[in-house]
């Protein structure tokens, strides 16, 4: 595909992205980074190996892990951008999950430098998971709070979503999940994630070269202020990396491009 054809294909998506990216951001290395810019080359090749640890029964997952796309998100419960992206993901999962086209895996990446209470909030969601209510608990955190929650507030949320609060409080005070949260943070950092939310779309089949070119061309139209792209495709063409709380229209367009490959 020549540059003129790629530009023709990318223009509608790029216009959507340009309009939607106002206010989009990602918490990176202890500071917020926001609006992207458009001074870019026409050819981009920044593919790298991306090896995301496999999804297991220990993960918090909605949908079948045999889906065409398994989106693994690393997130921070006190991150306002993550709050927005959580809403986007709930909508996308409702649209693509029932048919087995997409599954959603939530992993923890609390950035303690910005949000001192975030690691404990992450632990609280895992204590809720012990009682089978990870998703109701985290939906409540993102939907009804602004993060930065005290242990008293975390216990109150547990009661609101129908958990046994005695069991929950004992779990939270014991530090039962502290090591697992730390391991998840280390995992995200090893992958190269340096902000939240960061997502990896794991694909059932490798993307054709022309589709990789199209995706990278669209990503290349806009950059974070530090010069980094908003996403990329792995060398084996089976992982698409997305940085930041990209809006619903962009994520839906990306998913449709992948599913149509």
Protein backbone atom coordinates (compact mmCIF):
# COMPACT_ATOMS: atom_id res chain seq x y z
CA UNK A 1 0.00 0.00 0.00
CA UNK A 2 1.51 3.37 -1.02
CA UNK A 3 1.53 6.52 1.09
CA UNK A 4 -1.38 8.09 -0.78
CA UNK A 5 -3.59 5.05 -0.17
CA UNK A 6 -2.60 4.91 3.50
CA UNK A 7 -3.32 8.60 3.95
CA UNK A 8 -6.72 8.18 2.30
CA UNK A 9 -7.56 5.29 4.64
CA UNK A 10 -6.25 7.01 7.72
CA UNK A 11 -7.90 10.42 7.30
CA UNK A 12 -11.36 9.50 8.69
CA UNK A 13 -9.83 7.71 11.69
CA UNK A 14 -7.32 10.47 12.24
CA UNK A 15 -10.04 13.12 12.26
CA UNK A 16 -11.93 11.18 14.91
CA UNK A 17 -8.76 10.79 16.93
CA UNK A 18 -7.83 14.46 16.64
CA UNK A 19 -11.20 15.56 17.96
CA UNK A 20 -11.44 12.94 20.66
CA UNK A 21 -7.95 13.30 22.07
CA UNK A 22 -8.59 16.65 23.74
CA UNK A 23 -8.08 16.00 27.43
CA UNK A 24 -6.94 12.41 26.92
CA UNK A 25 -3.94 11.52 29.01
CA UNK A 26 -1.83 8.92 30.69
CA UNK A 27 -0.14 9.16 34.06
CA UNK A 28 3.53 8.64 33.31
CA UNK A 29 6.55 8.47 35.58
CA UNK A 30 4.92 10.49 38.30
CA UNK A 31 3.36 13.24 36.16
CA UNK A 32 0.34 13.61 33.87
CA UNK A 33 0.94 13.78 30.13
CA UNK A 34 -1.88 14.97 27.91
CA UNK A 35 -2.75 16.19 24.45
CA UNK A 36 -1.06 14.65 21.43
CA UNK A 37 0.35 16.48 18.42
CA UNK A 38 0.43 15.84 14.67
CA UNK A 39 3.94 16.47 13.31
CA UNK A 40 4.85 12.95 12.24
CA UNK A 41 6.65 11.01 9.51
CA UNK A 42 4.60 9.08 6.95
CA UNK A 43 6.39 5.80 7.65
CA UNK A 44 6.77 4.32 11.11
CA UNK A 45 8.46 1.11 12.17
CA UNK A 46 8.96 0.87 15.92
CA UNK A 47 7.97 -2.79 16.33
CA UNK A 48 9.42 -4.58 19.34
CA UNK A 49 8.97 -7.86 21.13
CA UNK A 50 6.02 -7.67 23.52
CA UNK A 51 5.62 -10.73 25.71
CA UNK A 52 2.61 -10.32 27.98
CA UNK A 53 2.37 -12.97 30.73
CA UNK A 54 -0.41 -15.40 29.83
CA UNK A 55 -3.87 -15.00 31.28
CA UNK A 56 -4.58 -17.48 34.08
CA UNK A 57 -7.40 -18.32 36.46
CA UNK A 58 -5.83 -15.87 38.93
CA UNK A 59 -6.62 -12.95 36.60
CA UNK A 60 -9.74 -10.82 36.81
CA UNK A 61 -11.39 -11.51 33.47
CA UNK A 62 -14.67 -10.82 31.70
CA UNK A 63 -15.27 -12.98 28.64
CA UNK A 64 -13.63 -16.05 27.21
CA UNK A 65 -9.85 -16.10 27.00
CA UNK A 66 -10.28 -17.84 23.63
CA UNK A 67 -11.65 -14.58 22.21
CA UNK A 68 -10.25 -13.05 19.04
CA UNK A 69 -8.93 -10.16 21.14
CA UNK A 70 -7.94 -10.44 24.79
CA UNK A 71 -7.37 -6.91 26.07
CA UNK A 72 -5.07 -6.86 29.10
CA UNK A 73 -5.26 -3.52 30.90
CA UNK A 74 -2.79 -2.28 33.55
CA UNK A 75 -4.57 0.34 35.60
CA UNK A 76 -4.61 2.49 38.75
CA UNK A 77 -7.86 2.89 40.70
CA UNK A 78 -7.03 6.50 41.65
CA UNK A 79 -6.10 7.58 38.11
CA UNK A 80 -8.78 9.85 36.58
CA UNK A 81 -7.82 8.78 33.05
CA UNK A 82 -8.29 5.15 34.11
CA UNK A 83 -11.74 6.07 35.39
CA UNK A 84 -12.68 7.29 31.91
CA UNK A 85 -11.13 4.29 30.21
CA UNK A 86 -12.96 1.90 32.55
CA UNK A 87 -16.25 3.29 31.27
CA UNK A 88 -15.05 2.90 27.68
CA UNK A 89 -14.02 -0.70 28.33
CA UNK A 90 -17.35 -1.59 29.93
CA UNK A 91 -19.13 -0.38 26.80
CA UNK A 92 -16.77 -2.18 24.43
CA UNK A 93 -16.97 -5.41 26.38
CA UNK A 94 -20.77 -5.29 26.30
CA UNK A 95 -20.60 -4.88 22.52
CA UNK A 96 -17.94 -7.45 21.67
CA UNK A 97 -17.81 -9.84 24.62
CA UNK A 98 -21.04 -11.80 24.23
CA UNK A 99 -20.07 -12.94 20.73
CA UNK A 100 -16.63 -14.09 21.88
CA UNK A 101 -14.81 -11.41 19.92
CA UNK A 102 -13.20 -9.76 22.94
CA UNK A 103 -12.29 -10.47 26.55
CA UNK A 104 -11.13 -7.94 29.15
CA UNK A 105 -8.43 -8.67 31.72
CA UNK A 106 -7.76 -6.13 34.49
CA UNK A 107 -4.29 -6.05 36.07
CA UNK A 108 -2.94 -3.68 38.68
CA UNK A 109 -0.47 -0.84 38.13
CA UNK A 110 -0.94 1.60 41.04
CA UNK A 111 1.46 4.55 40.78
CA UNK A 112 2.25 5.21 44.41
CA UNK A 113 4.20 8.42 43.68
CA UNK A 114 0.95 10.03 42.53
CA UNK A 115 -1.59 8.05 44.52
CA UNK A 116 -0.32 6.83 47.91
CA UNK A 117 -3.56 4.96 48.62
CA UNK A 118 -3.76 3.21 45.24
CA UNK A 119 -1.83 0.05 46.24
CA UNK A 120 -4.24 -0.52 49.14
CA UNK A 121 -7.18 0.13 46.84
CA UNK A 122 -5.80 -2.54 44.51
CA UNK A 123 -5.52 -4.94 47.43
CA UNK A 124 -9.14 -4.16 48.34
CA UNK A 125 -10.32 -5.21 44.88
CA UNK A 126 -8.51 -8.51 45.31
CA UNK A 127 -10.10 -9.03 48.71
CA UNK A 128 -13.41 -8.49 46.91
CA UNK A 129 -12.29 -11.02 44.29
CA UNK A 130 -11.82 -13.57 47.08
CA UNK A 131 -15.57 -13.31 47.60
CA UNK A 132 -16.33 -13.42 43.88
CA UNK A 133 -17.06 -9.71 43.50
CA UNK A 134 -14.02 -8.12 41.92
CA UNK A 135 -15.99 -6.47 39.12
CA UNK A 136 -18.85 -5.06 41.22
CA UNK A 137 -16.25 -3.67 43.64
CA UNK A 138 -14.00 -2.02 41.06
CA UNK A 139 -17.02 -0.75 39.10
CA UNK A 140 -18.12 1.00 42.29
CA UNK A 141 -14.66 2.49 42.87
CA UNK A 142 -14.44 3.89 39.34
CA UNK A 143 -18.10 4.80 39.04
CA UNK A 144 -18.84 6.36 42.42
CA UNK A 145 -15.56 7.65 43.87
CA UNK A 146 -12.57 9.80 42.89
CA UNK A 147 -10.02 7.42 44.36
CA UNK A 148 -7.66 8.30 47.21
CA UNK A 149 -9.74 6.10 49.51
CA UNK A 150 -9.19 5.38 53.18
CA UNK A 151 -9.49 1.89 54.62
CA UNK A 152 -12.78 2.96 56.19
CA UNK A 153 -14.10 3.95 52.78
CA UNK A 154 -12.85 0.71 51.26
CA UNK A 155 -14.75 -1.23 53.92
CA UNK A 156 -17.86 0.85 53.28
CA UNK A 157 -17.70 0.00 49.57
CA UNK A 158 -17.41 -3.67 50.50
CA UNK A 159 -20.68 -3.39 52.41
CA UNK A 160 -22.31 -1.54 49.51
CA UNK A 161 -21.57 -4.35 47.06
CA UNK A 162 -22.70 -7.08 49.43
CA UNK A 163 -19.42 -8.47 50.75
CA UNK A 164 -18.92 -10.02 54.16
CA UNK A 165 -17.19 -7.01 55.70
CA UNK A 166 -15.61 -8.95 58.56
CA UNK A 167 -13.86 -11.24 56.09
CA UNK A 168 -13.04 -8.31 53.84
CA UNK A 169 -11.54 -6.20 56.64
CA UNK A 170 -9.43 -9.12 57.84
CA UNK A 171 -8.14 -9.68 54.32
CA UNK A 172 -7.29 -6.02 53.81
CA UNK A 173 -5.50 -5.59 57.13
CA UNK A 174 -3.53 -8.82 56.70
CA UNK A 175 -1.70 -7.71 53.56
CA UNK A 176 -2.71 -10.96 51.91
CA UNK A 177 -2.51 -9.47 48.39
CA UNK A 178 0.34 -7.00 48.88
CA UNK A 179 2.94 -9.18 47.17
CA UNK A 180 0.64 -9.92 44.22
CA UNK A 181 0.01 -6.22 43.62
CA UNK A 182 3.73 -5.49 43.75
CA UNK A 183 4.34 -8.32 41.29
CA UNK A 184 1.74 -6.88 38.91
CA UNK A 185 3.46 -3.47 39.04
CA UNK A 186 6.83 -5.09 38.30
CA UNK A 187 5.23 -7.01 35.42
CA UNK A 188 3.86 -3.82 33.87
CA UNK A 189 7.20 -2.07 34.21
CA UNK A 190 9.02 -5.01 32.62
CA UNK A 191 6.66 -4.76 29.65
CA UNK A 192 7.69 -1.13 29.27
CA UNK A 193 4.52 0.43 30.62
CA UNK A 194 5.35 3.72 32.28
CA UNK A 195 1.89 5.13 32.79
CA UNK A 196 -1.77 4.30 33.31
CA UNK A 197 -3.83 3.07 31.71
CA UNK A 198 -1.65 0.88 29.48
CA UNK A 199 -3.29 -1.90 27.48
CA UNK A 200 -2.15 -4.82 25.36
CA UNK A 201 -4.52 -6.38 22.85
CA UNK A 202 -3.53 -10.05 22.53
CA UNK A 203 -4.68 -11.40 19.18
CA UNK A 204 -5.65 -14.93 18.24
CA UNK A 205 -3.99 -14.58 14.85
CA UNK A 206 -1.15 -12.44 13.52
CA UNK A 207 -2.12 -9.32 11.61
CA UNK A 208 -1.32 -9.07 7.89
CA UNK A 209 1.47 -6.63 7.04
CA UNK A 210 -0.87 -4.16 5.34
CA UNK A 211 -3.09 -3.98 8.44
CA UNK A 212 -0.05 -3.41 10.65
CA UNK A 213 0.96 -0.55 8.36
CA UNK A 214 -2.51 0.96 8.56
CA UNK A 215 -2.62 0.76 12.36
CA UNK A 216 0.86 2.22 12.72
CA UNK A 217 0.05 5.00 10.28
CA UNK A 218 -2.93 6.06 12.39
CA UNK A 219 -0.94 5.84 15.63
CA UNK A 220 1.79 7.93 14.02
CA UNK A 221 -0.49 10.88 13.36
CA UNK A 222 -0.42 11.89 17.03
CA UNK A 223 2.19 11.76 19.74
CA UNK A 224 2.36 12.38 23.46
CA UNK A 225 4.18 15.62 24.39
CA UNK A 226 7.27 13.56 25.22
CA UNK A 227 7.37 12.39 21.59
CA UNK A 228 6.17 8.83 22.18
CA UNK A 229 3.47 7.22 20.08
CA UNK A 230 0.08 6.32 21.50
CA UNK A 231 0.56 2.68 20.54
CA UNK A 232 2.22 0.12 18.33
CA UNK A 233 2.28 -3.45 17.07
CA UNK A 234 4.66 -6.19 18.23
CA UNK A 235 7.20 -7.84 15.94
CA UNK A 236 5.16 -11.02 15.75
CA UNK A 237 2.07 -8.93 14.85
CA UNK A 238 -0.02 -10.60 17.56
CA UNK A 239 0.00 -7.81 20.16
CA UNK A 240 -1.25 -4.24 19.78
CA UNK A 241 -0.04 -1.85 22.49
CA UNK A 242 -2.18 1.15 23.50
CA UNK A 243 -0.98 3.93 25.81
CA UNK A 244 -3.45 6.14 27.62
CA UNK A 245 -7.20 6.50 27.89
CA UNK A 246 -7.91 6.53 24.18
CA UNK A 247 -11.59 7.34 23.60
CA UNK A 248 -14.40 4.98 22.69
CA UNK A 249 -14.54 5.92 18.99
CA UNK A 250 -10.84 5.27 18.51
CA UNK A 251 -10.82 1.99 20.45
CA UNK A 252 -13.88 0.74 18.57
CA UNK A 253 -12.27 1.65 15.27
CA UNK A 254 -9.06 -0.14 16.24
CA UNK A 255 -10.97 -3.26 17.31
CA UNK A 256 -12.94 -3.28 14.05
CA UNK A 257 -9.74 -2.98 11.99
CA UNK A 258 -8.27 -5.95 13.86
CA UNK A 259 -11.42 -8.08 13.61
CA UNK A 260 -11.71 -7.30 9.89
CA UNK A 261 -8.14 -8.40 9.16
